[in-house]
Amino acid sequence: MRLLQARQLSPKTWVTLVLLSLATLAGNAAAESDSGCSVGCEPLSEYVESFNEYLSATGSHFLTGLNSVITSAADPVMSVVDPPKEFEELPVAAVTGRFIGIFQGTIMAAYRGTMGMLDMILAPIPIVILSPEPRYQPIPGFEWDE
């Protein structure tokens, strides 16, 4: 009998296999919880609860990255309109603060956009959020954790 190699399976077949294996695992867990679980196994509800927690964290991580990408365009403009407090100590702060704010805002926009893209790409991996603290939050549904 010839064994199937991984490259011969279509994406639709892979999805079907994954869904069937998940359904089998869920059925086995439900059968174990009904038949009196042995030592060391957890009820299915705890798995579902932890999976929902993971999905919530992943969604929040993705939305934080999306918020950073969208708001990164405002950084150069807002650094000119409202320069950071640190720029008040510069000589002739009314002029130099706004002029340097253009460069600081452009660098911040590049950083915020890049880290936002990384947050969106790496959202399924439970890591620390890379984006800087958001200046604005036009996208609802996420909480900023410091």
Protein backbone atom coordinates (compact mmCIF):
# COMPACT_ATOMS: atom_id res chain seq x y z
CA MET A 1 0.00 0.00 0.00
CA ARG A 2 1.33 3.37 -0.99
CA LEU A 3 1.46 6.02 1.77
CA LEU A 4 0.29 9.54 1.03
CA GLN A 5 2.93 12.17 1.30
CA ALA A 6 2.13 15.54 2.88
CA ARG A 7 2.67 17.46 -0.34
CA GLN A 8 0.08 15.36 -2.16
CA LEU A 9 -2.79 16.46 0.10
CA SER A 10 -4.83 19.44 -0.99
CA PRO A 11 -5.55 22.31 1.43
CA LYS A 12 -9.20 21.24 1.56
CA THR A 13 -8.14 17.76 2.64
CA TRP A 14 -5.89 19.20 5.38
CA VAL A 15 -8.75 21.32 6.74
CA THR A 16 -11.04 18.28 6.73
CA LEU A 17 -8.44 16.18 8.57
CA VAL A 18 -7.88 18.88 11.20
CA LEU A 19 -11.61 19.33 11.78
CA LEU A 20 -12.15 15.57 12.04
CA SER A 21 -9.31 15.20 14.54
CA LEU A 22 -10.67 18.07 16.65
CA ALA A 23 -14.14 16.54 16.59
CA THR A 24 -12.68 13.18 17.63
CA LEU A 25 -10.76 14.77 20.50
CA ALA A 26 -13.87 16.63 21.67
CA GLY A 27 -15.92 13.42 21.48
CA ASN A 28 -13.30 11.49 23.48
CA ALA A 29 -13.13 14.22 26.12
CA ALA A 30 -16.92 14.27 26.41
CA ALA A 31 -17.03 10.48 26.73
CA GLU A 32 -14.37 10.56 29.46
CA SER A 33 -16.22 13.24 31.42
CA ASP A 34 -19.46 11.23 31.19
CA SER A 35 -17.84 7.94 32.19
CA GLY A 36 -16.12 9.24 35.30
CA CYS A 37 -12.81 10.86 34.51
CA SER A 38 -9.65 9.14 35.65
CA VAL A 39 -6.92 10.99 37.56
CA GLY A 40 -5.31 13.83 35.59
CA CYS A 41 -7.95 14.50 32.97
CA GLU A 42 -9.98 17.71 32.88
CA PRO A 43 -13.58 18.22 31.85
CA LEU A 44 -14.23 19.56 28.37
CA SER A 45 -15.55 22.87 29.72
CA GLU A 46 -12.10 23.80 31.06
CA TYR A 47 -10.58 23.24 27.62
CA VAL A 48 -13.28 25.34 26.01
CA GLU A 49 -12.80 28.09 28.60
CA SER A 50 -9.03 28.20 28.09
CA PHE A 51 -9.47 28.17 24.30
CA ASN A 52 -11.94 31.08 24.51
CA GLU A 53 -9.42 32.95 26.68
CA TYR A 54 -6.72 32.32 24.06
CA LEU A 55 -9.00 33.56 21.26
CA SER A 56 -9.83 36.70 23.24
CA ALA A 57 -6.14 37.46 23.85
CA THR A 58 -5.32 36.81 20.19
CA GLY A 59 -8.10 39.13 19.03
CA SER A 60 -7.01 41.87 21.41
CA HIS A 61 -3.39 41.49 20.26
CA PHE A 62 -4.44 41.72 16.60
CA LEU A 63 -6.66 44.77 17.22
CA THR A 64 -3.83 46.52 19.08
CA GLY A 65 -1.57 46.01 16.05
CA LEU A 66 -4.29 47.18 13.66
CA ASN A 67 -4.86 50.28 15.80
CA SER A 68 -1.12 51.05 15.69
CA VAL A 69 -0.96 50.69 11.90
CA ILE A 70 -3.98 52.95 11.40
CA THR A 71 -2.89 55.65 13.85
CA SER A 72 0.77 55.70 12.79
CA ALA A 73 -0.04 58.24 10.06
CA ALA A 74 -1.12 60.77 12.71
CA ASP A 75 2.22 60.77 14.55
CA PRO A 76 4.12 63.30 12.37
CA VAL A 77 1.14 65.66 12.29
CA MET A 78 0.44 65.45 16.01
CA SER A 79 4.13 65.91 16.88
CA VAL A 80 4.00 69.25 15.05
CA VAL A 81 0.61 70.36 16.37
CA ASP A 82 1.29 69.26 19.96
CA PRO A 83 5.05 68.69 20.47
CA PRO A 84 6.14 66.47 23.37
CA LYS A 85 6.75 68.17 26.72
CA GLU A 86 10.46 67.33 26.53
CA PHE A 87 10.84 69.73 23.59
CA GLU A 88 9.89 72.74 25.77
CA GLU A 89 13.44 72.81 27.15
CA LEU A 90 14.97 73.41 23.70
CA PRO A 91 16.27 76.87 22.80
CA VAL A 92 13.51 78.90 21.11
CA ALA A 93 11.10 76.09 21.88
CA ALA A 94 8.20 77.61 19.93
CA VAL A 95 10.10 77.10 16.67
CA THR A 96 12.59 74.29 17.25
CA GLY A 97 10.10 72.10 19.12
CA ARG A 98 7.78 71.94 16.14
CA PHE A 99 10.62 71.53 13.65
CA ILE A 100 12.15 68.62 15.58
CA GLY A 101 8.63 67.28 16.15
CA ILE A 102 8.38 66.53 12.41
CA PHE A 103 11.40 64.21 12.59
CA GLN A 104 10.39 62.69 15.91
CA GLY A 105 6.87 62.07 14.60
CA THR A 106 8.13 60.49 11.39
CA ILE A 107 10.41 58.12 13.31
CA MET A 108 7.57 57.32 15.74
CA ALA A 109 5.21 56.63 12.81
CA ALA A 110 7.69 54.21 11.27
CA TYR A 111 8.19 52.48 14.63
CA ARG A 112 4.46 52.34 15.42
CA GLY A 113 3.59 51.05 11.93
CA THR A 114 6.30 48.38 11.96
CA MET A 115 5.47 47.14 15.45
CA GLY A 116 1.77 47.19 14.59
CA MET A 117 2.38 44.96 11.57
CA LEU A 118 4.44 42.59 13.71
CA ASP A 119 1.66 42.51 16.32
CA MET A 120 -0.88 41.61 13.64
CA ILE A 121 1.36 38.89 12.16
CA LEU A 122 2.38 37.42 15.53
CA ALA A 123 -1.06 37.71 17.16
CA PRO A 124 -1.63 33.92 17.39
CA ILE A 125 1.60 33.53 19.37
CA PRO A 126 1.16 34.47 23.05
CA ILE A 127 3.93 37.08 23.34
CA VAL A 128 4.17 40.61 24.72
CA ILE A 129 2.53 43.34 22.64
CA LEU A 130 5.25 45.17 20.71
CA SER A 131 3.34 48.33 19.73
CA PRO A 132 3.93 51.50 21.74
CA GLU A 133 1.13 52.92 23.85
CA PRO A 134 -1.62 54.12 21.51
CA ARG A 135 -2.17 57.85 21.15
CA TYR A 136 -5.74 57.27 19.94
CA GLN A 137 -8.03 54.27 19.97
CA PRO A 138 -10.34 54.48 16.93
CA ILE A 139 -10.85 50.70 16.97
CA PRO A 140 -12.96 49.41 19.87
CA GLY A 141 -12.58 45.95 21.34
CA PHE A 142 -9.13 45.89 22.86
CA GLU A 143 -7.60 46.92 26.14
CA TRP A 144 -4.11 48.34 26.43
CA ASP A 145 -2.04 46.43 28.99
CA GLU A 146 1.17 48.01 30.21
